C-alpha atoms as a PDB file:
ATOM      1  CA  MET A   1     -52.251  61.209 -49.853  1.00  0.00           C
ATOM      2  CA  SER A   2     -49.408  62.400 -51.512  1.00  0.00           C
ATOM      3  CA  ARG A   3     -46.564  64.800 -50.227  1.00  0.00           C
ATOM      4  CA  SER A   4     -46.252  68.423 -50.447  1.00  0.00           C
ATOM      5  CA  LEU A   5     -44.185  69.804 -53.843  1.00  0.00           C
ATOM      6  CA  LYS A   6     -42.383  72.690 -51.418  1.00  0.00           C
ATOM      7  CA  LYS A   7     -41.524  69.769 -49.028  1.00  0.00           C
ATOM      8  CA  GLY A   8     -39.973  67.647 -52.007  1.00  0.00           C
ATOM      9  CA  LEU A   9     -39.764  63.650 -52.343  1.00  0.00           C
ATOM     10  CA  TYR A  10     -39.365  61.720 -48.623  1.00  0.00           C
ATOM     11  CA  VAL A  11     -36.182  59.460 -49.054  1.00  0.00           C
ATOM     12  CA  ASP A  12     -34.764  57.522 -46.127  1.00  0.00           C
ATOM     13  CA  GLN A  13     -31.087  58.975 -45.430  1.00  0.00           C
ATOM     14  CA  ARG A  14     -30.339  55.591 -44.745  1.00  0.00           C
ATOM     15  CA  LEU A  15     -31.159  54.381 -47.794  1.00  0.00           C
ATOM     16  CA  VAL A  16     -29.005  57.152 -49.529  1.00  0.00           C
ATOM     17  CA  LYS A  17     -26.310  56.430 -47.148  1.00  0.00           C
ATOM     18  CA  LYS A  18     -26.256  52.849 -48.558  1.00  0.00           C
ATOM     19  CA  LEU A  19     -26.577  54.133 -52.160  1.00  0.00           C
ATOM     20  CA  GLN A  20     -23.191  56.487 -51.565  1.00  0.00           C
ATOM     21  CA  ASP A  21     -21.273  53.058 -51.141  1.00  0.00           C
ATOM     22  CA  ARG A  22     -22.506  50.921 -54.218  1.00  0.00           C
ATOM     23  CA  LYS A  23     -22.202  51.491 -58.387  1.00  0.00           C
ATOM     24  CA  ALA A  24     -25.539  51.269 -60.251  1.00  0.00           C
ATOM     25  CA  GLY A  25     -26.038  47.582 -61.928  1.00  0.00           C
ATOM     26  CA  ASP A  26     -23.534  45.884 -59.543  1.00  0.00           C
ATOM     27  CA  GLY A  27     -26.185  43.206 -58.987  1.00  0.00           C
ATOM     28  CA  SER A  28     -26.076  43.272 -55.280  1.00  0.00           C
ATOM     29  CA  VAL A  29     -29.306  43.480 -53.421  1.00  0.00           C
ATOM     30  CA  ILE A  30     -30.024  46.391 -50.969  1.00  0.00           C
ATOM     31  CA  LYS A  31     -32.331  45.284 -48.032  1.00  0.00           C
ATOM     32  CA  THR A  32     -34.987  48.027 -46.615  1.00  0.00           C
ATOM     33  CA  TRP A  33     -37.757  48.690 -44.725  1.00  0.00           C
ATOM     34  CA  SER A  34     -38.778  51.685 -45.748  1.00  0.00           C
ATOM     35  CA  ARG A  35     -41.507  50.839 -47.997  1.00  0.00           C
ATOM     36  CA  SER A  36     -42.644  54.882 -47.703  1.00  0.00           C
ATOM     37  CA  SER A  37     -39.525  56.145 -49.223  1.00  0.00           C
ATOM     38  CA  SER A  38     -39.822  57.854 -52.611  1.00  0.00           C
ATOM     39  CA  ILE A  39     -37.755  56.315 -55.667  1.00  0.00           C
ATOM     40  CA  SER A  40     -35.285  59.122 -56.811  1.00  0.00           C
ATOM     41  CA  PRO A  41     -33.459  59.583 -59.785  1.00  0.00           C
ATOM     42  CA  GLU A  42     -30.125  58.547 -57.958  1.00  0.00           C
ATOM     43  CA  MET A  43     -31.749  55.195 -57.312  1.00  0.00           C
ATOM     44  CA  VAL A  44     -31.949  54.060 -61.087  1.00  0.00           C
ATOM     45  CA  GLY A  45     -30.033  51.206 -61.966  1.00  0.00           C
ATOM     46  CA  PHE A  46     -29.963  49.526 -58.077  1.00  0.00           C
ATOM     47  CA  THR A  47     -32.033  46.477 -56.805  1.00  0.00           C
ATOM     48  CA  PHE A  48     -33.651  46.922 -53.703  1.00  0.00           C
ATOM     49  CA  GLY A  49     -34.938  43.852 -50.982  1.00  0.00           C
ATOM     50  CA  VAL A  50     -38.069  45.765 -50.388  1.00  0.00           C
ATOM     51  CA  HIS A  51     -39.843  43.817 -47.230  1.00  0.00           C
ATOM     52  CA  ASN A  52     -43.713  43.110 -47.210  1.00  0.00           C
ATOM     53  CA  GLY A  53     -43.902  42.146 -43.590  1.00  0.00           C
ATOM     54  CA  LYS A  54     -42.759  38.261 -44.149  1.00  0.00           C
ATOM     55  CA  ASP A  55     -40.091  38.376 -46.692  1.00  0.00           C
ATOM     56  CA  PHE A  56     -38.049  40.475 -49.223  1.00  0.00           C
ATOM     57  CA  VAL A  57     -39.131  41.502 -52.725  1.00  0.00           C
ATOM     58  CA  SER A  58     -36.367  41.526 -55.138  1.00  0.00           C
ATOM     59  CA  VAL A  59     -37.407  45.233 -57.076  1.00  0.00           C
ATOM     60  CA  TYR A  60     -34.885  46.398 -60.049  1.00  0.00           C
ATOM     61  CA  VAL A  61     -35.303  50.525 -59.953  1.00  0.00           C
ATOM     62  CA  THR A  62     -35.728  51.604 -63.927  1.00  0.00           C
ATOM     63  CA  GLU A  63     -36.758  55.628 -64.849  1.00  0.00           C
ATOM     64  CA  GLU A  64     -40.669  55.067 -64.965  1.00  0.00           C
ATOM     65  CA  MET A  65     -40.250  54.482 -61.458  1.00  0.00           C
ATOM     66  CA  VAL A  66     -38.913  57.622 -60.631  1.00  0.00           C
ATOM     67  CA  GLY A  67     -41.625  59.361 -58.203  1.00  0.00           C
ATOM     68  CA  HIS A  68     -43.345  56.110 -56.853  1.00  0.00           C
ATOM     69  CA  LYS A  69     -42.921  54.840 -53.437  1.00  0.00           C
ATOM     70  CA  LEU A  70     -40.929  51.370 -52.862  1.00  0.00           C
ATOM     71  CA  GLY A  71     -43.724  49.882 -51.477  1.00  0.00           C
ATOM     72  CA  GLU A  72     -45.896  49.785 -54.533  1.00  0.00           C
ATOM     73  CA  PHE A  73     -43.290  47.352 -55.946  1.00  0.00           C
ATOM     74  CA  SER A  74     -43.790  45.050 -53.406  1.00  0.00           C
ATOM     75  CA  PRO A  75     -47.525  43.624 -52.442  1.00  0.00           C
ATOM     76  CA  THR A  76     -47.913  42.590 -48.667  1.00  0.00           C
ATOM     77  CA  ARG A  77     -51.219  40.723 -49.617  1.00  0.00           C
ATOM     78  CA  LYS A  78     -51.276  37.320 -51.604  1.00  0.00           C
ATOM     79  CA  PHE A  79     -54.469  36.404 -53.392  1.00  0.00           C
ATOM     80  CA  VAL A  80     -55.086  32.802 -52.879  1.00  0.00           C
ATOM     81  CA  ARG A  81     -58.051  32.095 -55.091  1.00  0.00           C
ATOM     82  CA  HIS A  82     -61.950  31.894 -54.182  1.00  0.00           C
ATOM     83  CA  GLY A  83     -62.725  28.911 -52.257  1.00  0.00           C
ATOM     84  CA  GLY A  84     -65.808  26.815 -51.685  1.00  0.00           C
ATOM     85  CA  ARG A  85     -68.045  23.865 -53.501  1.00  0.00           C
ATOM     86  CA  MET A  86     -69.207  25.826 -56.203  1.00  0.00           C
ATOM     87  CA  GLN A  87     -65.170  26.975 -57.323  1.00  0.00           C
ATOM     88  CA  LYS A  88     -64.109  23.394 -56.676  1.00  0.00           C
ATOM     89  CA  GLU A  89     -67.372  22.236 -59.292  1.00  0.00           C
ATOM     90  CA  ILE A  90     -65.922  24.375 -61.845  1.00  0.00           C
ATOM     91  CA  GLU A  91     -62.488  23.074 -61.397  1.00  0.00           C
ATOM     92  CA  THR A  92     -63.518  19.642 -61.781  1.00  0.00           C
ATOM     93  CA  ALA A  93     -65.454  20.114 -64.747  1.00  0.00           C
ATOM     94  CA  ALA A  94     -62.449  22.457 -66.289  1.00  0.00           C
ATOM     95  CA  LYS A  95     -60.074  19.557 -65.806  1.00  0.00           C
ATOM     96  CA  VAL A  96     -62.598  17.321 -67.065  1.00  0.00           C
ATOM     97  CA  LYS A  97     -63.098  18.943 -70.410  1.00  0.00           C
ATOM     98  CA  GLU A  98     -59.240  19.319 -71.076  1.00  0.00           C
ATOM     99  CA  VAL A  99     -58.891  15.641 -70.372  1.00  0.00           C
ATOM    100  CA  GLU A 100     -61.363  14.915 -72.786  1.00  0.00           C
ATOM    101  CA  ALA A 101     -60.307  17.187 -75.486  1.00  0.00           C
ATOM    102  CA  VAL A 102     -56.726  15.216 -74.904  1.00  0.00           C
ATOM    103  CA  LYS A 103     -58.087  11.768 -75.354  1.00  0.00           C
ATOM    104  CA  ALA A 104     -60.023  13.325 -78.240  1.00  0.00           C
ATOM    105  CA  ALA A 105     -57.096  14.581 -80.124  1.00  0.00           C
ATOM    106  CA  LYS A 106     -54.789  11.434 -79.694  1.00  0.00           C
ATOM    107  CA  THR A 107     -58.059   8.825 -81.327  1.00  0.00           C
ATOM    108  CA  GLY A 108     -58.452  11.641 -83.752  1.00  0.00           C
ATOM    109  CA  GLY A 109     -54.820  11.265 -84.533  1.00  0.00           C
ATOM    110  CA  GLU A 110     -55.009   7.340 -84.942  1.00  0.00           C
ATOM    111  CA  THR A 111     -58.035   7.467 -86.938  1.00  0.00           C
ATOM    112  CA  VAL A 112     -56.414   9.496 -89.616  1.00  0.00           C
ATOM    113  CA  ALA A 113     -53.639   7.411 -89.881  1.00  0.00           C
ATOM    114  CA  LYS A 114     -55.797   3.993 -90.214  1.00  0.00           C
ATOM    115  CA  LYS A 115     -57.436   5.905 -93.285  1.00  0.00           C
ATOM    116  CA  LYS A 116     -54.609   5.984 -95.404  1.00  0.00           C
END
């Protein structure tokens, strides 16, 4: 749910204080746990380490990100893959086709060389 326009953007005050001490583009990472902070124009050019629950994800802020939240650029869930027997069979079949294609390419190149 978005914040009311009359209230303005929410930016963590500790984050603003950290920004005042640094210059844009200096390359140092500003660590933050404040995923709900909105990105303001003053943040453009800085690199933030946004905590995702396990570690910090580096986020370089550009002009297109202004108005979004910091947490949008640091995913908290990691997609492993759909598993099961059927998925394993599909993956092995694809790998076998790939190996056969490589073998066919190698033997096809040798037969062309023999014809000359």
